[in-house]
PDB file of N, CA and C in Angstrom:
ATOM      1  N   MET A   1      36.696   7.782  71.222  1.00  0.00           N
ATOM      2  CA  MET A   1      36.575   8.736  71.312  1.00  0.00           C
ATOM      3  C   MET A   1      34.871   9.506  71.184  1.00  0.00           C
ATOM      4  N   ARG A   2      34.504  10.203  72.199  1.00  0.00           N
ATOM      5  CA  ARG A   2      32.938  10.961  71.759  1.00  0.00           C
ATOM      6  C   ARG A   2      32.059  10.085  71.723  1.00  0.00           C
ATOM      7  N   ASP A   3      32.043   8.967  72.223  1.00  0.00           N
ATOM      8  CA  ASP A   3      31.621   7.643  72.361  1.00  0.00           C
ATOM      9  C   ASP A   3      31.261   6.953  70.966  1.00  0.00           C
ATOM     10  N   LYS A   4      32.666   7.217  70.089  1.00  0.00           N
ATOM     11  CA  LYS A   4      33.011   6.036  68.748  1.00  0.00           C
ATOM     12  C   LYS A   4      34.134   5.522  68.632  1.00  0.00           C
ATOM     13  N   PRO A   5      34.477   4.380  67.960  1.00  0.00           N
ATOM     14  CA  PRO A   5      35.546   3.610  67.625  1.00  0.00           C
ATOM     15  C   PRO A   5      36.614   4.567  67.539  1.00  0.00           C
ATOM     16  N   ASP A   6      38.198   4.915  68.316  1.00  0.00           N
ATOM     17  CA  ASP A   6      39.021   5.208  67.225  1.00  0.00           C
ATOM     18  C   ASP A   6      40.334   4.908  67.348  1.00  0.00           C
ATOM     19  N   GLY A   7      40.891   4.637  66.645  1.00  0.00           N
ATOM     20  CA  GLY A   7      41.890   4.255  66.834  1.00  0.00           C
ATOM     21  C   GLY A   7      41.950   2.773  66.277  1.00  0.00           C
ATOM     22  N   TRP A   8      42.909   1.748  66.544  1.00  0.00           N
ATOM     23  CA  TRP A   8      43.159   0.460  66.630  1.00  0.00           C
ATOM     24  C   TRP A   8      41.911  -0.280  67.404  1.00  0.00           C
ATOM     25  N   GLY A   9      41.227  -1.170  66.858  1.00  0.00           N
ATOM     26  CA  GLY A   9      39.904  -2.056  67.180  1.00  0.00           C
ATOM     27  C   GLY A   9      39.698  -3.252  66.140  1.00  0.00           C
ATOM     28  N   LEU A  10      38.413  -3.958  67.349  1.00  0.00           N
ATOM     29  CA  LEU A  10      38.163  -4.591  67.034  1.00  0.00           C
ATOM     30  C   LEU A  10      36.159  -4.300  66.991  1.00  0.00           C
ATOM     31  N   GLN A  11      35.894  -4.495  65.579  1.00  0.00           N
ATOM     32  CA  GLN A  11      34.076  -4.415  65.147  1.00  0.00           C
ATOM     33  C   GLN A  11      33.746  -5.550  64.604  1.00  0.00           C
ATOM     34  N   VAL A  12      32.244  -6.127  65.206  1.00  0.00           N
ATOM     35  CA  VAL A  12      31.569  -7.336  65.180  1.00  0.00           C
ATOM     36  C   VAL A  12      30.593  -7.071  64.923  1.00  0.00           C
ATOM     37  N   ASN A  13      29.762  -7.435  63.947  1.00  0.00           N
ATOM     38  CA  ASN A  13      28.697  -7.546  63.703  1.00  0.00           C
ATOM     39  C   ASN A  13      27.978  -8.833  63.684  1.00  0.00           C
ATOM     40  N   SER A  14      27.051  -9.004  65.209  1.00  0.00           N
ATOM     41  CA  SER A  14      27.069 -10.709  65.407  1.00  0.00           C
ATOM     42  C   SER A  14      26.004 -10.792  64.088  1.00  0.00           C
ATOM     43  N   GLY A  15      24.977 -10.478  63.976  1.00  0.00           N
ATOM     44  CA  GLY A  15      23.873 -11.070  62.993  1.00  0.00           C
ATOM     45  C   GLY A  15      23.975 -11.068  61.732  1.00  0.00           C
ATOM     46  N   THR A  16      25.793 -10.748  61.340  1.00  0.00           N
ATOM     47  CA  THR A  16      25.737 -10.589  60.004  1.00  0.00           C
ATOM     48  C   THR A  16      27.232 -11.556  59.830  1.00  0.00           C
ATOM     49  N   GLY A  17      27.681 -11.579  60.528  1.00  0.00           N
ATOM     50  CA  GLY A  17      29.364 -12.681  60.652  1.00  0.00           C
ATOM     51  C   GLY A  17      30.351 -11.028  60.252  1.00  0.00           C
ATOM     52  N   HIS A  18      29.789 -10.323  60.160  1.00  0.00           N
ATOM     53  CA  HIS A  18      31.021  -9.171  58.830  1.00  0.00           C
ATOM     54  C   HIS A  18      32.148  -8.947  60.313  1.00  0.00           C
ATOM     55  N   PHE A  19      32.979  -8.521  60.280  1.00  0.00           N
ATOM     56  CA  PHE A  19      33.776  -7.797  61.135  1.00  0.00           C
ATOM     57  C   PHE A  19      35.024  -6.948  60.361  1.00  0.00           C
ATOM     58  N   HIS A  20      35.478  -6.177  61.676  1.00  0.00           N
ATOM     59  CA  HIS A  20      36.524  -4.993  61.319  1.00  0.00           C
ATOM     60  C   HIS A  20      37.768  -5.708  62.130  1.00  0.00           C
ATOM     61  N   ILE A  21      39.103  -5.786  61.680  1.00  0.00           N
ATOM     62  CA  ILE A  21      40.139  -5.443  62.819  1.00  0.00           C
ATOM     63  C   ILE A  21      41.008  -4.433  62.220  1.00  0.00           C
ATOM     64  N   GLU A  22      40.688  -3.281  62.924  1.00  0.00           N
ATOM     65  CA  GLU A  22      41.670  -2.212  61.697  1.00  0.00           C
ATOM     66  C   GLU A  22      41.498  -0.885  62.355  1.00  0.00           C
ATOM     67  N   GLN A  23      42.278   0.154  61.744  1.00  0.00           N
ATOM     68  CA  GLN A  23      42.038   1.371  62.429  1.00  0.00           C
ATOM     69  C   GLN A  23      40.590   2.364  62.078  1.00  0.00           C
ATOM     70  N   PHE A  24      40.452   2.930  63.385  1.00  0.00           N
ATOM     71  CA  PHE A  24      38.975   3.881  63.205  1.00  0.00           C
ATOM     72  C   PHE A  24      39.438   4.994  63.557  1.00  0.00           C
ATOM     73  N   GLU A  25      38.495   6.261  62.895  1.00  0.00           N
ATOM     74  CA  GLU A  25      38.334   7.002  63.078  1.00  0.00           C
ATOM     75  C   GLU A  25      36.849   8.184  63.198  1.00  0.00           C
ATOM     76  N   ASP A  26      36.573   8.371  64.170  1.00  0.00           N
ATOM     77  CA  ASP A  26      35.760   9.296  64.280  1.00  0.00           C
ATOM     78  C   ASP A  26      34.073   7.883  63.967  1.00  0.00           C
ATOM     79  N   GLY A  27      34.359   6.799  64.138  1.00  0.00           N
ATOM     80  CA  GLY A  27      33.607   5.790  64.262  1.00  0.00           C
ATOM     81  C   GLY A  27      33.208   4.971  62.797  1.00  0.00           C
ATOM     82  N   LEU A  28      34.334   5.081  62.156  1.00  0.00           N
ATOM     83  CA  LEU A  28      34.172   4.760  60.852  1.00  0.00           C
ATOM     84  C   LEU A  28      35.799   3.969  60.553  1.00  0.00           C
ATOM     85  N   ALA A  29      35.947   2.656  59.867  1.00  0.00           N
ATOM     86  CA  ALA A  29      37.026   2.071  59.133  1.00  0.00           C
ATOM     87  C   ALA A  29      38.191   3.054  58.509  1.00  0.00           C
ATOM     88  N   HIS A  30      38.970   3.430  59.024  1.00  0.00           N
ATOM     89  CA  HIS A  30      39.941   4.128  58.297  1.00  0.00           C
ATOM     90  C   HIS A  30      41.449   4.071  58.611  1.00  0.00           C
ATOM     91  N   GLY A  31      41.612   3.595  57.289  1.00  0.00           N
ATOM     92  CA  GLY A  31      43.436   3.318  56.640  1.00  0.00           C
ATOM     93  C   GLY A  31      43.519   1.798  57.397  1.00  0.00           C
ATOM     94  N   TYR A  32      44.685   1.130  57.902  1.00  0.00           N
ATOM     95  CA  TYR A  32      45.036  -0.614  57.173  1.00  0.00           C
ATOM     96  C   TYR A  32      44.411  -1.014  58.203  1.00  0.00           C
ATOM     97  N   GLY A  33      43.811  -2.333  57.751  1.00  0.00           N
ATOM     98  CA  GLY A  33      43.113  -3.176  58.177  1.00  0.00           C
ATOM     99  C   GLY A  33      43.113  -4.526  58.092  1.00  0.00           C
ATOM    100  N   LEU A  34      42.268  -5.566  58.671  1.00  0.00           N
ATOM    101  CA  LEU A  34      41.818  -6.555  57.783  1.00  0.00           C
ATOM    102  C   LEU A  34      40.505  -6.495  58.248  1.00  0.00           C
ATOM    103  N   SER A  35      39.040  -7.173  56.786  1.00  0.00           N
ATOM    104  CA  SER A  35      37.532  -7.493  57.221  1.00  0.00           C
ATOM    105  C   SER A  35      37.487  -8.109  56.936  1.00  0.00           C
ATOM    106  N   GLY A  36      36.455  -8.810  57.144  1.00  0.00           N
ATOM    107  CA  GLY A  36      35.507 -10.386  56.729  1.00  0.00           C
ATOM    108  C   GLY A  36      34.059 -10.713  56.570  1.00  0.00           C
ATOM    109  N   HIS A  37      34.061 -11.831  56.354  1.00  0.00           N
ATOM    110  CA  HIS A  37      32.560 -11.729  56.828  1.00  0.00           C
ATOM    111  C   HIS A  37      32.045 -13.280  56.844  1.00  0.00           C
ATOM    112  N   ASN A  38      31.708 -14.189  58.173  1.00  0.00           N
ATOM    113  CA  ASN A  38      31.292 -15.834  58.543  1.00  0.00           C
ATOM    114  C   ASN A  38      32.829 -15.836  59.103  1.00  0.00           C
ATOM    115  N   PHE A  39      33.565 -15.757  59.460  1.00  0.00           N
ATOM    116  CA  PHE A  39      35.011 -16.290  60.388  1.00  0.00           C
ATOM    117  C   PHE A  39      35.139 -17.035  59.598  1.00  0.00           C
ATOM    118  N   GLY A  40      35.734 -16.937  58.179  1.00  0.00           N
ATOM    119  CA  GLY A  40      36.336 -17.998  58.084  1.00  0.00           C
ATOM    120  C   GLY A  40      35.479 -19.225  56.612  1.00  0.00           C
ATOM    121  N   ARG A  41      34.287 -18.726  56.499  1.00  0.00           N
ATOM    122  CA  ARG A  41      33.584 -19.827  55.537  1.00  0.00           C
ATOM    123  C   ARG A  41      32.986 -18.666  54.016  1.00  0.00           C
ATOM    124  N   GLY A  42      33.683 -17.413  54.737  1.00  0.00           N
ATOM    125  CA  GLY A  42      33.118 -16.412  53.438  1.00  0.00           C
ATOM    126  C   GLY A  42      34.407 -15.935  52.771  1.00  0.00           C
ATOM    127  N   TYR A  43      34.811 -14.545  52.966  1.00  0.00           N
ATOM    128  CA  TYR A  43      36.078 -14.023  52.326  1.00  0.00           C
ATOM    129  C   TYR A  43      36.975 -13.086  53.869  1.00  0.00           C
ATOM    130  N   ILE A  44      37.941 -12.628  53.395  1.00  0.00           N
ATOM    131  CA  ILE A  44      38.796 -11.818  54.513  1.00  0.00           C
ATOM    132  C   ILE A  44      39.166 -10.505  53.251  1.00  0.00           C
ATOM    133  N   TYR A  45      39.061  -9.540  53.636  1.00  0.00           N
ATOM    134  CA  TYR A  45      39.923  -8.292  52.948  1.00  0.00           C
ATOM    135  C   TYR A  45      41.153  -8.067  53.702  1.00  0.00           C
ATOM    136  N   VAL A  46      42.028  -7.716  52.795  1.00  0.00           N
ATOM    137  CA  VAL A  46      43.413  -7.048  53.936  1.00  0.00           C
ATOM    138  C   VAL A  46      43.391  -6.143  52.688  1.00  0.00           C
ATOM    139  N   SER A  47      43.179  -4.628  53.646  1.00  0.00           N
ATOM    140  CA  SER A  47      42.858  -3.514  52.814  1.00  0.00           C
ATOM    141  C   SER A  47      43.251  -2.289  53.634  1.00  0.00           C
ATOM    142  N   VAL A  48      42.631  -1.597  52.862  1.00  0.00           N
ATOM    143  CA  VAL A  48      42.905   0.138  53.314  1.00  0.00           C
ATOM    144  C   VAL A  48      41.111   0.893  52.843  1.00  0.00           C
ATOM    145  N   PHE A  49      41.021   1.505  54.333  1.00  0.00           N
ATOM    146  CA  PHE A  49      39.333   1.973  54.440  1.00  0.00           C
ATOM    147  C   PHE A  49      39.970   3.629  54.527  1.00  0.00           C
ATOM    148  N   GLU A  50      39.149   4.297  54.395  1.00  0.00           N
ATOM    149  CA  GLU A  50      39.082   5.517  54.014  1.00  0.00           C
ATOM    150  C   GLU A  50      37.825   6.588  54.949  1.00  0.00           C
ATOM    151  N   ASN A  51      37.378   6.778  55.978  1.00  0.00           N
ATOM    152  CA  ASN A  51      36.146   7.428  56.301  1.00  0.00           C
ATOM    153  C   ASN A  51      34.783   6.385  55.592  1.00  0.00           C
ATOM    154  N   GLY A  52      35.551   4.908  55.984  1.00  0.00           N
ATOM    155  CA  GLY A  52      33.712   3.904  56.300  1.00  0.00           C
ATOM    156  C   GLY A  52      34.126   3.258  54.720  1.00  0.00           C
ATOM    157  N   ILE A  53      34.871   3.649  54.041  1.00  0.00           N
ATOM    158  CA  ILE A  53      34.975   3.212  52.409  1.00  0.00           C
ATOM    159  C   ILE A  53      35.926   2.781  51.774  1.00  0.00           C
ATOM    160  N   ARG A  54      36.055   1.894  50.852  1.00  0.00           N
ATOM    161  CA  ARG A  54      36.696   1.064  50.475  1.00  0.00           C
ATOM    162  C   ARG A  54      37.887   2.164  49.342  1.00  0.00           C
ATOM    163  N   ASN A  55      39.177   2.336  49.644  1.00  0.00           N
ATOM    164  CA  ASN A  55      39.737   2.988  48.836  1.00  0.00           C
ATOM    165  C   ASN A  55      41.350   2.978  49.171  1.00  0.00           C
ATOM    166  N   GLY A  56      41.711   2.311  47.767  1.00  0.00           N
ATOM    167  CA  GLY A  56      43.046   1.710  47.569  1.00  0.00           C
ATOM    168  C   GLY A  56      43.442   0.200  47.528  1.00  0.00           C
ATOM    169  N   GLU A  57      44.013  -0.300  47.837  1.00  0.00           N
ATOM    170  CA  GLU A  57      44.599  -1.030  47.024  1.00  0.00           C
ATOM    171  C   GLU A  57      44.047  -2.962  48.223  1.00  0.00           C
ATOM    172  N   PHE A  58      43.503  -3.959  47.794  1.00  0.00           N
ATOM    173  CA  PHE A  58      43.235  -4.954  48.523  1.00  0.00           C
ATOM    174  C   PHE A  58      43.614  -6.331  48.051  1.00  0.00           C
ATOM    175  N   ASN A  59      43.912  -6.732  48.840  1.00  0.00           N
ATOM    176  CA  ASN A  59      44.048  -8.456  48.849  1.00  0.00           C
ATOM    177  C   ASN A  59      42.600  -9.190  49.598  1.00  0.00           C
ATOM    178  N   VAL A  60      41.739 -10.415  48.533  1.00  0.00           N
ATOM    179  CA  VAL A  60      40.393 -10.477  49.241  1.00  0.00           C
ATOM    180  C   VAL A  60      41.076 -11.989  48.714  1.00  0.00           C
ATOM    181  N   LEU A  61      40.726 -12.304  50.281  1.00  0.00           N
ATOM    182  CA  LEU A  61      40.817 -14.055  50.139  1.00  0.00           C
ATOM    183  C   LEU A  61      39.983 -14.850  50.365  1.00  0.00           C
ATOM    184  N   HIS A  62      39.329 -15.836  49.455  1.00  0.00           N
ATOM    185  CA  HIS A  62      38.352 -16.754  49.578  1.00  0.00           C
ATOM    186  C   HIS A  62      38.303 -17.526  50.114  1.00  0.00           C
ATOM    187  N   SER A  63      37.167 -18.432  51.108  1.00  0.00           N
ATOM    188  CA  SER A  63      37.198 -19.532  51.994  1.00  0.00           C
ATOM    189  C   SER A  63      37.169 -20.624  50.749  1.00  0.00           C
ATOM    190  N   SER A  64      37.121 -20.470  49.641  1.00  0.00           N
ATOM    191  CA  SER A  64      37.307 -21.786  48.825  1.00  0.00           C
ATOM    192  C   SER A  64      38.430 -21.723  48.445  1.00  0.00           C
ATOM    193  N   GLY A  65      39.581 -20.701  48.553  1.00  0.00           N
ATOM    194  CA  GLY A  65      41.099 -20.681  48.166  1.00  0.00           C
ATOM    195  C   GLY A  65      41.263 -19.587  46.800  1.00  0.00           C
ATOM    196  N   SER A  66      40.347 -19.133  46.305  1.00  0.00           N
ATOM    197  CA  SER A  66      40.687 -18.209  45.305  1.00  0.00           C
ATOM    198  C   SER A  66      41.382 -17.136  46.291  1.00  0.00           C
ATOM    199  N   LYS A  67      42.022 -16.268  45.447  1.00  0.00           N
ATOM    200  CA  LYS A  67      42.566 -15.089  45.498  1.00  0.00           C
ATOM    201  C   LYS A  67      42.115 -13.795  44.766  1.00  0.00           C
ATOM    202  N   HIS A  68      41.900 -12.546  44.897  1.00  0.00           N
ATOM    203  CA  HIS A  68      41.336 -11.742  44.083  1.00  0.00           C
ATOM    204  C   HIS A  68      42.797 -10.245  44.835  1.00  0.00           C
ATOM    205  N   LYS A  69      43.524  -9.458  43.738  1.00  0.00           N
ATOM    206  CA  LYS A  69      44.396  -8.537  44.041  1.00  0.00           C
ATOM    207  C   LYS A  69      43.388  -7.854  43.224  1.00  0.00           C
ATOM    208  N   GLY A  70      43.398  -6.160  43.562  1.00  0.00           N
ATOM    209  CA  GLY A  70      42.922  -5.265  42.581  1.00  0.00           C
ATOM    210  C   GLY A  70      43.310  -3.803  43.826  1.00  0.00           C
ATOM    211  N   GLN A  71      42.330  -2.874  42.883  1.00  0.00           N
ATOM    212  CA  GLN A  71      42.023  -1.676  43.785  1.00  0.00           C
ATOM    213  C   GLN A  71      40.676  -0.924  43.859  1.00  0.00           C
ATOM    214  N   TYR A  72      40.101  -0.310  44.790  1.00  0.00           N
ATOM    215  CA  TYR A  72      38.697   0.519  45.004  1.00  0.00           C
ATOM    216  C   TYR A  72      39.178   1.652  44.850  1.00  0.00           C
ATOM    217  N   ILE A  73      38.572   2.352  44.170  1.00  0.00           N
ATOM    218  CA  ILE A  73      38.191   3.495  44.367  1.00  0.00           C
ATOM    219  C   ILE A  73      36.737   4.373  44.756  1.00  0.00           C
ATOM    220  N   ASN A  74      36.465   4.744  45.557  1.00  0.00           N
ATOM    221  CA  ASN A  74      35.072   5.342  46.416  1.00  0.00           C
ATOM    222  C   ASN A  74      34.539   4.283  46.357  1.00  0.00           C
ATOM    223  N   ASP A  75      34.628   3.291  47.120  1.00  0.00           N
ATOM    224  CA  ASP A  75      34.090   1.908  47.233  1.00  0.00           C
ATOM    225  C   ASP A  75      33.796   0.984  46.042  1.00  0.00           C
ATOM    226  N   GLU A  76      33.794   1.120  44.720  1.00  0.00           N
ATOM    227  CA  GLU A  76      33.800   0.369  43.994  1.00  0.00           C
ATOM    228  C   GLU A  76      35.195  -0.097  43.099  1.00  0.00           C
ATOM    229  N   ARG A  77      35.394  -1.151  42.178  1.00  0.00           N
ATOM    230  CA  ARG A  77      36.562  -1.701  41.620  1.00  0.00           C
ATOM    231  C   ARG A  77      36.731  -1.090  40.925  1.00  0.00           C
ATOM    232  N   HIS A  78      38.093  -1.178  40.406  1.00  0.00           N
ATOM    233  CA  HIS A  78      38.716   0.009  39.411  1.00  0.00           C
ATOM    234  C   HIS A  78      39.889  -0.543  38.695  1.00  0.00           C
ATOM    235  N   GLY A  79      40.515  -0.040  37.356  1.00  0.00           N
ATOM    236  CA  GLY A  79      41.461  -0.774  37.345  1.00  0.00           C
ATOM    237  C   GLY A  79      41.243  -2.143  36.526  1.00  0.00           C
ATOM    238  N   MET A  80      42.861  -2.759  36.708  1.00  0.00           N
ATOM    239  CA  MET A  80      42.898  -4.021  36.619  1.00  0.00           C
ATOM    240  C   MET A  80      42.941  -5.117  37.781  1.00  0.00           C
ATOM    241  N   TRP A  81      42.337  -5.919  37.844  1.00  0.00           N
ATOM    242  CA  TRP A  81      41.902  -6.893  38.895  1.00  0.00           C
ATOM    243  C   TRP A  81      42.512  -8.216  38.576  1.00  0.00           C
ATOM    244  N   LEU A  82      43.335  -9.343  39.450  1.00  0.00           N
ATOM    245  CA  LEU A  82      43.763 -10.431  39.466  1.00  0.00           C
ATOM    246  C   LEU A  82      43.262 -11.340  40.132  1.00  0.00           C
ATOM    247  N   GLU A  83      42.915 -12.466  39.283  1.00  0.00           N
ATOM    248  CA  GLU A  83      41.990 -13.511  40.310  1.00  0.00           C
ATOM    249  C   GLU A  83      43.180 -14.833  40.315  1.00  0.00           C
ATOM    250  N   ILE A  84      43.285 -15.245  40.940  1.00  0.00           N
ATOM    251  CA  ILE A  84      43.846 -16.589  41.021  1.00  0.00           C
ATOM    252  C   ILE A  84      43.233 -17.444  41.908  1.00  0.00           C
ATOM    253  N   ASP A  85      42.440 -18.456  40.695  1.00  0.00           N
ATOM    254  CA  ASP A  85      41.048 -19.694  41.147  1.00  0.00           C
ATOM    255  C   ASP A  85      41.662 -21.075  41.620  1.00  0.00           C
ATOM    256  N   THR A  86      41.337 -21.835  42.445  1.00  0.00           N
ATOM    257  CA  THR A  86      42.038 -22.811  43.363  1.00  0.00           C
ATOM    258  C   THR A  86      43.008 -24.067  42.859  1.00  0.00           C
ATOM    259  N   ASP A  87      42.609 -24.146  41.208  1.00  0.00           N
ATOM    260  CA  ASP A  87      43.585 -24.717  40.602  1.00  0.00           C
ATOM    261  C   ASP A  87      44.668 -23.840  39.967  1.00  0.00           C
ATOM    262  N   GLY A  88      45.051 -23.035  40.674  1.00  0.00           N
ATOM    263  CA  GLY A  88      46.686 -21.798  40.161  1.00  0.00           C
ATOM    264  C   GLY A  88      46.124 -21.060  38.710  1.00  0.00           C
ATOM    265  N   ASP A  89      44.830 -21.307  38.270  1.00  0.00           N
ATOM    266  CA  ASP A  89      44.479 -20.509  36.953  1.00  0.00           C
ATOM    267  C   ASP A  89      44.820 -19.017  37.493  1.00  0.00           C
ATOM    268  N   GLU A  90      45.066 -18.286  36.535  1.00  0.00           N
ATOM    269  CA  GLU A  90      45.153 -16.680  36.282  1.00  0.00           C
ATOM    270  C   GLU A  90      44.456 -15.520  35.561  1.00  0.00           C
ATOM    271  N   TYR A  91      43.310 -14.977  36.112  1.00  0.00           N
ATOM    272  CA  TYR A  91      42.520 -14.732  35.254  1.00  0.00           C
ATOM    273  C   TYR A  91      43.097 -12.667  35.397  1.00  0.00           C
ATOM    274  N   TRP A  92      43.026 -12.235  34.823  1.00  0.00           N
ATOM    275  CA  TRP A  92      42.467 -11.049  34.702  1.00  0.00           C
ATOM    276  C   TRP A  92      41.115 -10.014  33.966  1.00  0.00           C
ATOM    277  N   TYR A  93      40.807  -8.784  34.986  1.00  0.00           N
ATOM    278  CA  TYR A  93      39.558  -8.304  34.884  1.00  0.00           C
ATOM    279  C   TYR A  93      39.889  -7.067  34.585  1.00  0.00           C
ATOM    280  N   GLY A  94      38.594  -6.156  33.934  1.00  0.00           N
ATOM    281  CA  GLY A  94      39.187  -4.641  34.025  1.00  0.00           C
ATOM    282  C   GLY A  94      37.605  -4.259  34.592  1.00  0.00           C
ATOM    283  N   TYR A  95      38.240  -3.548  35.475  1.00  0.00           N
ATOM    284  CA  TYR A  95      36.937  -2.543  36.011  1.00  0.00           C
ATOM    285  C   TYR A  95      37.123  -1.159  35.598  1.00  0.00           C
ATOM    286  N   ALA A  96      35.815  -0.456  35.402  1.00  0.00           N
ATOM    287  CA  ALA A  96      35.739   1.270  35.333  1.00  0.00           C
ATOM    288  C   ALA A  96      34.694   1.344  36.349  1.00  0.00           C
ATOM    289  N   ASN A  97      35.410   2.046  37.390  1.00  0.00           N
ATOM    290  CA  ASN A  97      34.206   2.623  38.555  1.00  0.00           C
ATOM    291  C   ASN A  97      32.642   1.727  38.866  1.00  0.00           C
ATOM    292  N   GLY A  98      33.313   0.603  39.066  1.00  0.00           N
ATOM    293  CA  GLY A  98      32.527  -0.427  39.151  1.00  0.00           C
ATOM    294  C   GLY A  98      31.753  -1.545  38.317  1.00  0.00           C
ATOM    295  N   SER A  99      31.981  -0.898  37.308  1.00  0.00           N
ATOM    296  CA  SER A  99      31.680  -1.832  35.752  1.00  0.00           C
ATOM    297  C   SER A  99      32.552  -2.639  35.009  1.00  0.00           C
ATOM    298  N   GLN A 100      32.549  -3.956  35.010  1.00  0.00           N
ATOM    299  CA  GLN A 100      33.517  -4.952  34.372  1.00  0.00           C
ATOM    300  C   GLN A 100      33.425  -4.261  33.000  1.00  0.00           C
ATOM    301  N   VAL A 101      34.728  -3.600  32.434  1.00  0.00           N
ATOM    302  CA  VAL A 101      34.900  -3.302  31.070  1.00  0.00           C
ATOM    303  C   VAL A 101      35.194  -4.390  30.142  1.00  0.00           C
ATOM    304  N   PHE A 102      35.535  -5.691  30.350  1.00  0.00           N
ATOM    305  CA  PHE A 102      35.676  -7.118  29.563  1.00  0.00           C
ATOM    306  C   PHE A 102      35.897  -8.120  30.601  1.00  0.00           C
ATOM    307  N   PRO A 103      35.188  -9.275  29.630  1.00  0.00           N
ATOM    308  CA  PRO A 103      35.679 -10.309  30.660  1.00  0.00           C
ATOM    309  C   PRO A 103      37.200 -10.821  31.038  1.00  0.00           C
ATOM    310  N   PRO A 104      36.549 -12.182  32.210  1.00  0.00           N
ATOM    311  CA  PRO A 104      37.923 -11.976  32.375  1.00  0.00           C
ATOM    312  C   PRO A 104      38.888 -12.584  30.958  1.00  0.00           C
ATOM    313  N   ARG A 105      40.147 -12.898  31.520  1.00  0.00           N
ATOM    314  CA  ARG A 105      40.642 -13.075  30.106  1.00  0.00           C
ATOM    315  C   ARG A 105      42.176 -14.119  31.283  1.00  0.00           C
ATOM    316  N   LEU A 106      42.336 -15.639  30.899  1.00  0.00           N
ATOM    317  CA  LEU A 106      43.180 -16.486  31.189  1.00  0.00           C
ATOM    318  C   LEU A 106      44.596 -15.969  30.744  1.00  0.00           C
ATOM    319  N   PHE A 107      45.358 -16.026  32.069  1.00  0.00           N
ATOM    320  CA  PHE A 107      46.965 -15.383  31.515  1.00  0.00           C
ATOM    321  C   PHE A 107      47.746 -16.552  32.197  1.00  0.00           C
ATOM    322  N   LYS A 108      48.146 -17.038  31.018  1.00  0.00           N
ATOM    323  CA  LYS A 108      49.547 -18.230  31.437  1.00  0.00           C
ATOM    324  C   LYS A 108      50.610 -17.601  31.259  1.00  0.00           C
ATOM    325  N   ALA A 109      51.446 -17.310  32.946  1.00  0.00           N
ATOM    326  CA  ALA A 109      52.334 -16.544  32.498  1.00  0.00           C
ATOM    327  C   ALA A 109      53.883 -17.550  32.694  1.00  0.00           C
ATOM    328  N   PRO A 110      54.473 -17.195  32.731  1.00  0.00           N
ATOM    329  CA  PRO A 110      55.964 -18.318  32.129  1.00  0.00           C
ATOM    330  C   PRO A 110      56.277 -18.621  33.799  1.00  0.00           C
ATOM    331  N   TYR A 111      56.235 -17.546  34.962  1.00  0.00           N
ATOM    332  CA  TYR A 111      55.889 -17.972  36.533  1.00  0.00           C
ATOM    333  C   TYR A 111      54.718 -17.629  37.202  1.00  0.00           C
ATOM    334  N   ARG A 112      54.504 -18.170  38.008  1.00  0.00           N
ATOM    335  CA  ARG A 112      52.786 -17.956  38.762  1.00  0.00           C
ATOM    336  C   ARG A 112      53.196 -17.156  39.677  1.00  0.00           C
ATOM    337  N   MET A 113      52.369 -15.778  39.983  1.00  0.00           N
ATOM    338  CA  MET A 113      51.892 -14.578  40.452  1.00  0.00           C
ATOM    339  C   MET A 113      51.357 -14.624  42.163  1.00  0.00           C
ATOM    340  N   ASP A 114      51.918 -15.693  42.726  1.00  0.00           N
ATOM    341  CA  ASP A 114      51.570 -15.606  43.863  1.00  0.00           C
ATOM    342  C   ASP A 114      51.685 -14.878  44.600  1.00  0.00           C
ATOM    343  N   TYR A 115      53.055 -14.469  44.628  1.00  0.00           N
ATOM    344  CA  TYR A 115      53.453 -13.474  45.698  1.00  0.00           C
ATOM    345  C   TYR A 115      52.946 -12.399  45.481  1.00  0.00           C
ATOM    346  N   TRP A 116      52.208 -12.169  44.453  1.00  0.00           N
ATOM    347  CA  TRP A 116      51.533 -10.506  44.691  1.00  0.00           C
ATOM    348  C   TRP A 116      50.513 -10.468  45.547  1.00  0.00           C
ATOM    349  N   ILE A 117      50.077 -11.731  45.996  1.00  0.00           N
ATOM    350  CA  ILE A 117      49.037 -11.811  47.010  1.00  0.00           C
ATOM    351  C   ILE A 117      49.467 -12.493  48.038  1.00  0.00           C
TER     352      ILE A 117
END
């Protein structure tokens, strides 16, 4: 629309390997979708964007096998984030406006939380 992506689509930057498969509005990622980097050698976000900015719940899957789940507000990590590493250990991080507020804490739950991600 008006020479800008609008609706569902695929956007690829061949120079950086970054891609978006998601909803666009007025040329910017806006809504639900999938984005990533380096086509399987980097990471994949299952995400919500608003006007090109990360805003909302995110699942981040790394090619190493580790997973993260948390929230972005105005393109910065905010609140509690869960990381599950390749050994299955679960770590909690706290963020406030993009800054880590406490170091990662290992959490040993009676049941694994893989269903979160």
